[in-house]
Amino acid sequence: MSALAQPRHVYDWAPSPCGGLRTTLSGAAVTLRASGALWIAAQAMLVVADLHLEKGSAYAARGQMLPPYDTRDTLRRLTAEIAATRPAAVVLLGDTFHDRASEDRLAADDAEQLRTLAGLTRLIWVIGNHDADGPRALPGEVADELTVAGLLLRHEPQAGLQPGEVAGHLHPCAKVTASRGTVRRRCFVTDGERLVVPAFGAYAGGLNIRDRAFSGLFARDPLCGALGGTRVHAVGWRSVVGD
């Protein structure tokens, strides 16, 4: 980890009633939810990254036949999160679509579900590397990045220390070895100053946080919030192993 000045933040994670973990991120109160969504309390804002809608159909077009239900499952879980939190705004933190043609491949019911969600809350599409054009026919606002509650929300983490940055793109995943065996789970990873959120999409997969892609992002050994079935588990850096 970097030898630069240590962040001012002291880890203060606490369980929340929803099974998540409450903490502060660069001074802002947030909750890491068991779904993989981030809740920014001051803004009543729900943040989800890397839905990769229509990844299944993209693979099928190349001859890799996956069950074609990833978009429906991802939207079902997003709808449940919106119903549970009643946010003033939902930020889709980039790579919402798997590729630029994904919007055209959406089933009519799935496109209608996105329109329904946009009618329930302010829907903000932050563009990513897979969906640089943003949505063309679907409602919502489009942004390159977004600043809220002292946090900077963008798709891809920038190099070096970036206090207040919330990003996706890397699909963080933690592999933990314990006495009962080894588990691998999608996770949040943070040093209290910046946060990389897990991929929300059903087929998005994950990159081990011990991978070199995470090197240099944190000023000290980070903690990860590993996603369980109904709760987020706080895991120390020393408990995480590489693949």
Protein backbone atom coordinates (compact mmCIF):
# COMPACT_ATOMS: atom_id res chain seq x y z
CA MET A 1 0.00 0.00 0.00
CA SER A 2 1.04 3.61 -0.49
CA ALA A 3 3.38 5.25 1.99
CA LEU A 4 1.58 8.58 1.52
CA ALA A 5 -0.19 10.33 4.40
CA GLN A 6 -2.77 8.19 6.13
CA PRO A 7 -6.44 9.21 5.67
CA ARG A 8 -8.17 10.91 8.56
CA HIS A 9 -10.92 8.30 8.62
CA VAL A 10 -11.10 5.72 11.42
CA TYR A 11 -13.04 2.59 10.53
CA ASP A 12 -16.41 2.81 12.26
CA TRP A 13 -18.52 0.15 10.62
CA ALA A 14 -21.76 -0.74 12.37
CA PRO A 15 -24.56 -3.15 11.40
CA SER A 16 -27.71 -1.67 9.94
CA PRO A 17 -31.23 -3.13 10.28
CA CYS A 18 -31.24 -4.06 6.59
CA GLY A 19 -28.27 -6.40 7.08
CA GLY A 20 -25.83 -3.89 5.65
CA LEU A 21 -23.00 -1.95 7.22
CA ARG A 22 -23.17 1.72 8.11
CA THR A 23 -20.02 3.80 7.90
CA THR A 24 -18.70 7.17 6.84
CA LEU A 25 -16.93 7.68 3.54
CA SER A 26 -14.79 10.80 3.37
CA GLY A 27 -17.14 12.28 5.95
CA ALA A 28 -20.43 11.24 4.31
CA ALA A 29 -22.78 8.77 6.01
CA VAL A 30 -23.36 5.73 3.79
CA THR A 31 -24.70 2.19 4.07
CA LEU A 32 -23.24 -0.79 2.24
CA ARG A 33 -26.31 -2.86 1.45
CA ALA A 34 -26.42 -6.65 1.21
CA SER A 35 -27.66 -6.38 -2.39
CA GLY A 36 -24.42 -4.67 -3.42
CA ALA A 37 -26.09 -1.25 -3.63
CA LEU A 38 -24.73 1.81 -1.83
CA TRP A 39 -27.08 4.10 0.12
CA ILE A 40 -26.05 7.74 0.55
CA ALA A 41 -28.18 8.90 3.44
CA ALA A 42 -28.02 12.70 3.06
CA GLN A 43 -29.28 12.50 -0.52
CA ALA A 44 -31.62 9.51 -0.12
CA MET A 45 -29.68 8.16 -3.09
CA LEU A 46 -29.22 4.55 -4.17
CA VAL A 47 -26.10 3.72 -6.21
CA VAL A 48 -25.63 0.52 -8.22
CA ALA A 49 -22.81 -0.26 -10.63
CA ASP A 50 -22.15 -2.56 -13.55
CA LEU A 51 -25.56 -4.05 -14.29
CA HIS A 52 -24.29 -5.26 -17.69
CA LEU A 53 -27.83 -5.71 -18.97
CA GLU A 54 -28.08 -8.09 -21.93
CA LYS A 55 -24.71 -9.71 -21.31
CA GLY A 56 -26.40 -13.07 -21.81
CA SER A 57 -27.70 -12.13 -25.25
CA ALA A 58 -24.29 -10.73 -26.22
CA TYR A 59 -22.67 -14.07 -25.37
CA ALA A 60 -25.41 -16.01 -27.17
CA ALA A 61 -24.70 -14.03 -30.34
CA ARG A 62 -21.12 -15.35 -30.16
CA GLY A 63 -22.24 -18.93 -29.65
CA GLN A 64 -21.86 -19.08 -25.86
CA MET A 65 -25.34 -20.08 -24.79
CA LEU A 66 -26.18 -18.73 -21.33
CA PRO A 67 -29.69 -18.71 -19.83
CA PRO A 68 -31.21 -15.50 -21.23
CA TYR A 69 -32.63 -14.25 -17.94
CA ASP A 70 -29.83 -12.05 -16.57
CA THR A 71 -31.50 -8.74 -17.43
CA ARG A 72 -34.80 -9.76 -15.88
CA ASP A 73 -33.13 -11.01 -12.70
CA THR A 74 -30.99 -7.87 -12.37
CA LEU A 75 -33.98 -5.57 -12.85
CA ARG A 76 -36.03 -7.63 -10.39
CA ARG A 77 -33.37 -7.10 -7.71
CA LEU A 78 -33.05 -3.41 -8.55
CA THR A 79 -36.82 -2.99 -8.31
CA ALA A 80 -36.75 -4.68 -4.90
CA GLU A 81 -34.03 -2.30 -3.71
CA ILE A 82 -36.02 0.71 -4.85
CA ALA A 83 -39.12 -0.59 -3.10
CA ALA A 84 -37.14 -1.16 0.10
CA THR A 85 -35.36 2.20 0.19
CA ARG A 86 -37.74 4.58 -1.64
CA PRO A 87 -34.85 6.70 -2.94
CA ALA A 88 -35.10 10.25 -4.22
CA ALA A 89 -32.61 9.23 -6.91
CA VAL A 90 -30.98 6.11 -8.32
CA VAL A 91 -27.51 6.35 -9.85
CA LEU A 92 -26.59 3.69 -12.38
CA LEU A 93 -22.81 3.92 -12.07
CA GLY A 94 -21.76 2.95 -15.58
CA ASP A 95 -21.76 -0.21 -17.68
CA THR A 96 -25.49 -0.45 -17.17
CA PHE A 97 -25.61 -2.04 -20.62
CA HIS A 98 -23.11 -4.71 -21.62
CA ASP A 99 -22.51 -3.13 -25.04
CA ARG A 100 -23.83 -0.35 -27.24
CA ALA A 101 -26.38 -2.62 -28.92
CA SER A 102 -27.80 -3.96 -25.64
CA GLU A 103 -30.61 -1.43 -25.51
CA ASP A 104 -31.86 -2.68 -28.87
CA ARG A 105 -31.89 -6.27 -27.59
CA LEU A 106 -33.95 -5.51 -24.47
CA ALA A 107 -37.18 -7.46 -24.25
CA ALA A 108 -40.22 -5.18 -24.33
CA ASP A 109 -41.12 -6.07 -20.73
CA ASP A 110 -37.62 -5.23 -19.50
CA ALA A 111 -37.58 -1.89 -21.31
CA GLU A 112 -40.97 -1.11 -19.81
CA GLN A 113 -39.68 -1.99 -16.34
CA LEU A 114 -36.88 0.57 -16.74
CA ARG A 115 -39.45 3.17 -17.77
CA THR A 116 -41.52 2.29 -14.71
CA LEU A 117 -38.52 2.76 -12.43
CA ALA A 118 -37.78 6.13 -14.03
CA GLY A 119 -41.35 7.14 -13.16
CA LEU A 120 -40.81 6.24 -9.51
CA THR A 121 -37.54 8.05 -8.90
CA ARG A 122 -34.94 10.29 -10.50
CA LEU A 123 -32.85 7.95 -12.66
CA ILE A 124 -29.26 9.03 -13.43
CA TRP A 125 -27.17 7.12 -15.96
CA VAL A 126 -23.43 7.60 -15.42
CA ILE A 127 -21.72 6.40 -18.56
CA GLY A 128 -19.10 3.65 -18.53
CA ASN A 129 -16.69 2.07 -20.96
CA HIS A 130 -19.28 -0.47 -22.17
CA ASP A 131 -22.09 2.05 -22.65
CA ALA A 132 -20.32 5.29 -23.54
CA ASP A 133 -23.34 6.55 -25.52
CA GLY A 134 -25.74 6.25 -22.59
CA PRO A 135 -29.38 5.28 -23.16
CA ARG A 136 -30.97 6.41 -26.41
CA ALA A 137 -34.70 5.67 -26.01
CA LEU A 138 -35.02 5.17 -22.26
CA PRO A 139 -35.78 7.96 -19.79
CA GLY A 140 -33.40 9.45 -17.26
CA GLU A 141 -30.51 11.88 -16.97
CA VAL A 142 -27.05 11.14 -18.38
CA ALA A 143 -23.80 12.25 -16.71
CA ASP A 144 -20.08 11.59 -17.04
CA GLU A 145 -19.76 11.82 -13.25
CA LEU A 146 -21.72 13.23 -10.34
CA THR A 147 -20.80 15.07 -7.13
CA VAL A 148 -23.10 14.55 -4.11
CA ALA A 149 -22.59 14.92 -0.35
CA GLY A 150 -18.89 15.60 -0.88
CA LEU A 151 -18.49 12.36 -2.87
CA LEU A 152 -17.51 12.05 -6.52
CA LEU A 153 -19.42 9.28 -8.30
CA ARG A 154 -17.84 7.98 -11.50
CA HIS A 155 -17.62 4.68 -13.31
CA GLU A 156 -13.88 3.97 -13.38
CA PRO A 157 -11.51 4.60 -10.47
CA GLN A 158 -8.83 7.15 -11.28
CA ALA A 159 -5.15 6.46 -10.56
CA GLY A 160 -3.64 7.50 -7.25
CA LEU A 161 -5.42 8.54 -4.09
CA GLN A 162 -8.86 10.04 -4.78
CA PRO A 163 -10.57 10.99 -1.48
CA GLY A 164 -14.34 10.89 -1.81
CA GLU A 165 -14.38 8.82 -4.99
CA VAL A 166 -17.08 6.17 -5.44
CA ALA A 167 -16.54 3.97 -8.49
CA GLY A 168 -17.39 0.63 -10.02
CA HIS A 169 -15.76 -0.92 -13.12
CA LEU A 170 -13.44 -3.35 -11.30
CA HIS A 171 -16.18 -5.73 -10.04
CA PRO A 172 -14.43 -6.32 -6.68
CA CYS A 173 -14.57 -9.79 -5.18
CA ALA A 174 -13.05 -11.15 -1.96
CA LYS A 175 -11.73 -14.66 -1.48
CA VAL A 176 -11.62 -15.59 2.19
CA THR A 177 -10.13 -18.74 3.71
CA ALA A 178 -11.35 -19.78 7.16
CA SER A 179 -11.52 -22.93 9.26
CA ARG A 180 -14.72 -24.05 7.52
CA GLY A 181 -13.32 -23.62 4.02
CA THR A 182 -12.90 -20.98 1.34
CA VAL A 183 -15.57 -18.66 -0.01
CA ARG A 184 -15.46 -16.09 -2.81
CA ARG A 185 -17.95 -13.23 -2.70
CA ARG A 186 -18.59 -9.95 -4.43
CA CYS A 187 -17.66 -7.12 -2.12
CA PHE A 188 -17.29 -3.44 -1.38
CA VAL A 189 -13.70 -2.36 -0.75
CA THR A 190 -12.74 0.89 0.99
CA ASP A 191 -10.13 2.63 3.11
CA GLY A 192 -12.73 5.04 4.43
CA GLU A 193 -11.79 7.71 1.91
CA ARG A 194 -12.69 6.07 -1.40
CA LEU A 195 -14.91 3.11 -2.26
CA VAL A 196 -15.15 0.60 -5.08
CA VAL A 197 -18.61 -0.95 -5.21
CA PRO A 198 -19.45 -4.47 -6.38
CA ALA A 199 -21.03 -5.27 -9.72
CA PHE A 200 -24.82 -5.52 -9.43
CA GLY A 201 -25.50 -7.45 -12.64
CA ALA A 202 -26.41 -11.13 -12.52
CA TYR A 203 -23.69 -12.11 -15.01
CA ALA A 204 -21.12 -9.43 -14.12
CA GLY A 205 -18.65 -11.65 -12.27
CA GLY A 206 -15.84 -10.39 -10.03
CA LEU A 207 -12.12 -9.54 -9.87
CA ASN A 208 -10.16 -10.53 -6.77
CA ILE A 209 -9.27 -7.43 -4.74
CA ARG A 210 -5.73 -8.81 -4.40
CA ASP A 211 -5.35 -8.27 -8.15
CA ARG A 212 -2.83 -5.61 -9.19
CA ALA A 213 -5.68 -3.55 -10.67
CA PHE A 214 -6.46 -2.44 -7.09
CA SER A 215 -2.85 -1.54 -6.27
CA GLY A 216 -2.31 2.11 -5.38
CA LEU A 217 -6.00 2.91 -4.93
CA PHE A 218 -5.92 2.98 -1.14
CA ALA A 219 -3.76 4.85 1.35
CA ARG A 220 -3.77 1.95 3.81
CA ASP A 221 -4.89 -1.65 3.92
CA PRO A 222 -8.60 -1.49 3.07
CA LEU A 223 -11.50 -3.35 4.56
CA CYS A 224 -13.98 -5.21 2.41
CA GLY A 225 -17.67 -5.72 2.90
CA ALA A 226 -18.34 -9.19 1.50
CA LEU A 227 -21.88 -9.86 0.33
CA GLY A 228 -23.66 -12.72 2.04
CA GLY A 229 -27.18 -13.92 1.40
CA THR A 230 -28.84 -11.34 3.66
CA ARG A 231 -26.01 -9.32 5.18
CA VAL A 232 -22.66 -7.67 4.50
CA HIS A 233 -19.69 -9.21 6.33
CA ALA A 234 -16.77 -6.99 7.37
CA VAL A 235 -13.51 -8.68 6.35
CA GLY A 236 -10.01 -7.43 7.14
CA TRP A 237 -7.32 -7.23 4.49
CA ARG A 238 -5.22 -9.97 6.08
CA SER A 239 -8.10 -12.41 5.78
CA VAL A 240 -8.33 -11.95 2.00
CA VAL A 241 -6.28 -14.20 -0.29
CA GLY A 242 -5.58 -14.18 -4.00
CA ASP A 243 -7.10 -16.60 -6.49
